[in-house]
Amino acid sequence: MNDKKQLQFTDKQGQYLAYIHKYLTNHGKAPAEKEMERFFGTTPPTIHQMILTLENKGFITRIPRQPRSIQLLVRSELLPILRAGKI
C-alpha cells in the first residue's frame, strides 16, 4: 500500500488503528472486539462496523469469524498518537 493512501484515514479511524498497533505491540496478538469496546466506551455493533470499515479501506486484514486475527497494513510511523478512552 502506498503512503498516500495510508494517510487517508479519519481521526477516529486513526485512533482505532493506533489502538490495534499498541495492543499488538504490548500483547503479541490482536485485541478482541470486547477489549476495543471497553477502551473506546462504545457498543459491539459500533466496534464491528469500524473493523469492517478499516478492512474495506485496506488498513487492516483479518480472517472473518476468527478471534484476534487482525493484522495492520499501515506502517506504524504513519499512525497518530493514541489518546485515552472515548473518541
C-alpha atoms as a PDB file:
ATOM      1  CA  MET A   1       0.000   0.000   0.000  1.00  0.00           C
ATOM      2  CA  ASN A   2       1.409   3.404  -0.855  1.00  0.00           C
ATOM      3  CA  ASP A   3       1.958   6.111   1.779  1.00  0.00           C
ATOM      4  CA  LYS A   4      -0.586   8.492   0.242  1.00  0.00           C
ATOM      5  CA  LYS A   5      -3.454   6.000   0.654  1.00  0.00           C
ATOM      6  CA  GLN A   6      -2.306   5.140   4.176  1.00  0.00           C
ATOM      7  CA  LEU A   7      -2.772   8.738   5.275  1.00  0.00           C
ATOM      8  CA  GLN A   8      -6.390   8.837   4.161  1.00  0.00           C
ATOM      9  CA  PHE A   9      -7.928   7.654   7.402  1.00  0.00           C
ATOM     10  CA  THR A  10     -10.140   9.799   9.599  1.00  0.00           C
ATOM     11  CA  ASP A  11      -9.136  10.852  13.097  1.00  0.00           C
ATOM     12  CA  LYS A  12     -11.413   8.196  14.573  1.00  0.00           C
ATOM     13  CA  GLN A  13     -10.075   5.500  12.240  1.00  0.00           C
ATOM     14  CA  GLY A  14      -6.544   6.571  13.147  1.00  0.00           C
ATOM     15  CA  GLN A  15      -7.315   6.099  16.835  1.00  0.00           C
ATOM     16  CA  TYR A  16      -8.596   2.575  16.214  1.00  0.00           C
ATOM     17  CA  LEU A  17      -5.512   1.775  14.147  1.00  0.00           C
ATOM     18  CA  ALA A  18      -3.237   3.225  16.851  1.00  0.00           C
ATOM     19  CA  TYR A  19      -5.028   1.142  19.498  1.00  0.00           C
ATOM     20  CA  ILE A  20      -4.647  -2.041  17.439  1.00  0.00           C
ATOM     21  CA  HIS A  21      -0.944  -1.282  16.938  1.00  0.00           C
ATOM     22  CA  LYS A  22      -0.351  -0.611  20.638  1.00  0.00           C
ATOM     23  CA  TYR A  23      -2.236  -3.752  21.639  1.00  0.00           C
ATOM     24  CA  LEU A  24      -0.311  -5.884  19.135  1.00  0.00           C
ATOM     25  CA  THR A  25       2.970  -4.436  20.386  1.00  0.00           C
ATOM     26  CA  ASN A  26       2.146  -4.933  24.072  1.00  0.00           C
ATOM     27  CA  HIS A  27       0.433  -8.338  23.889  1.00  0.00           C
ATOM     28  CA  GLY A  28       1.797 -10.027  20.765  1.00  0.00           C
ATOM     29  CA  LYS A  29      -1.737 -10.644  19.497  1.00  0.00           C
ATOM     30  CA  ALA A  30      -4.608  -8.561  18.168  1.00  0.00           C
ATOM     31  CA  PRO A  31      -7.245  -7.173  20.523  1.00  0.00           C
ATOM     32  CA  ALA A  32     -10.648  -8.799  20.810  1.00  0.00           C
ATOM     33  CA  GLU A  33     -13.603  -6.617  19.847  1.00  0.00           C
ATOM     34  CA  LYS A  34     -14.684  -6.722  23.529  1.00  0.00           C
ATOM     35  CA  GLU A  35     -11.389  -5.091  24.556  1.00  0.00           C
ATOM     36  CA  MET A  36     -11.904  -2.342  21.993  1.00  0.00           C
ATOM     37  CA  GLU A  37     -15.434  -1.810  23.333  1.00  0.00           C
ATOM     38  CA  ARG A  38     -14.049  -1.245  26.834  1.00  0.00           C
ATOM     39  CA  PHE A  39     -11.250   1.069  25.689  1.00  0.00           C
ATOM     40  CA  PHE A  40     -13.394   3.237  23.414  1.00  0.00           C
ATOM     41  CA  GLY A  41     -16.535   3.027  25.574  1.00  0.00           C
ATOM     42  CA  THR A  42     -18.779   2.077  22.691  1.00  0.00           C
ATOM     43  CA  THR A  43     -21.123  -0.724  21.597  1.00  0.00           C
ATOM     44  CA  PRO A  44     -20.391  -4.063  19.901  1.00  0.00           C
ATOM     45  CA  PRO A  45     -22.076  -3.018  16.609  1.00  0.00           C
ATOM     46  CA  THR A  46     -20.009   0.204  16.516  1.00  0.00           C
ATOM     47  CA  ILE A  47     -16.747  -1.690  17.012  1.00  0.00           C
ATOM     48  CA  HIS A  48     -17.637  -4.323  14.447  1.00  0.00           C
ATOM     49  CA  GLN A  49     -18.623  -1.703  11.875  1.00  0.00           C
ATOM     50  CA  MET A  50     -15.309   0.106  12.390  1.00  0.00           C
ATOM     51  CA  ILE A  51     -13.396  -3.153  11.895  1.00  0.00           C
ATOM     52  CA  LEU A  52     -15.278  -3.748   8.645  1.00  0.00           C
ATOM     53  CA  THR A  53     -14.597  -0.163   7.526  1.00  0.00           C
ATOM     54  CA  LEU A  54     -10.873  -0.437   8.287  1.00  0.00           C
ATOM     55  CA  GLU A  55     -10.737  -3.732   6.390  1.00  0.00           C
ATOM     56  CA  ASN A  56     -12.667  -2.387   3.388  1.00  0.00           C
ATOM     57  CA  LYS A  57     -10.343   0.627   3.181  1.00  0.00           C
ATOM     58  CA  GLY A  58      -7.287  -1.656   3.197  1.00  0.00           C
ATOM     59  CA  PHE A  59      -5.893  -0.516   6.560  1.00  0.00           C
ATOM     60  CA  ILE A  60      -6.183  -3.963   8.173  1.00  0.00           C
ATOM     61  CA  THR A  61      -6.719  -7.546   7.182  1.00  0.00           C
ATOM     62  CA  ARG A  62      -8.422 -10.240   9.211  1.00  0.00           C
ATOM     63  CA  ILE A  63      -9.913 -13.704   8.997  1.00  0.00           C
ATOM     64  CA  PRO A  64     -13.702 -13.461   9.414  1.00  0.00           C
ATOM     65  CA  ARG A  65     -15.089 -15.246  12.490  1.00  0.00           C
ATOM     66  CA  GLN A  66     -11.568 -15.933  13.778  1.00  0.00           C
ATOM     67  CA  PRO A  67     -10.849 -14.068  17.010  1.00  0.00           C
ATOM     68  CA  ARG A  68      -7.739 -11.891  17.259  1.00  0.00           C
ATOM     69  CA  SER A  69      -6.869 -12.256  13.569  1.00  0.00           C
ATOM     70  CA  ILE A  70      -6.465  -8.529  12.782  1.00  0.00           C
ATOM     71  CA  GLN A  71      -3.217  -7.536  11.101  1.00  0.00           C
ATOM     72  CA  LEU A  72      -2.259  -3.912  10.435  1.00  0.00           C
ATOM     73  CA  LEU A  73      -1.378  -2.896   6.895  1.00  0.00           C
ATOM     74  CA  VAL A  74      -0.401   0.676   7.851  1.00  0.00           C
ATOM     75  CA  ARG A  75       3.203   1.400   8.818  1.00  0.00           C
ATOM     76  CA  SER A  76       3.447   2.295  12.497  1.00  0.00           C
ATOM     77  CA  GLU A  77       5.242   5.598  11.861  1.00  0.00           C
ATOM     78  CA  LEU A  78       2.165   6.824   9.953  1.00  0.00           C
ATOM     79  CA  LEU A  79      -0.195   6.217  12.880  1.00  0.00           C
ATOM     80  CA  PRO A  80      -1.338   9.007  15.204  1.00  0.00           C
ATOM     81  CA  ILE A  81      -0.585   9.026  18.919  1.00  0.00           C
ATOM     82  CA  LEU A  82      -3.220   7.040  20.795  1.00  0.00           C
ATOM     83  CA  ARG A  83      -5.416   9.140  23.062  1.00  0.00           C
ATOM     84  CA  ALA A  84      -7.062   7.582  26.102  1.00  0.00           C
ATOM     85  CA  GLY A  85     -10.670   6.471  26.124  1.00  0.00           C
ATOM     86  CA  LYS A  86     -13.672   7.699  24.176  1.00  0.00           C
ATOM     87  CA  ILE A  87     -13.161   9.396  20.830  1.00  0.00           C
END
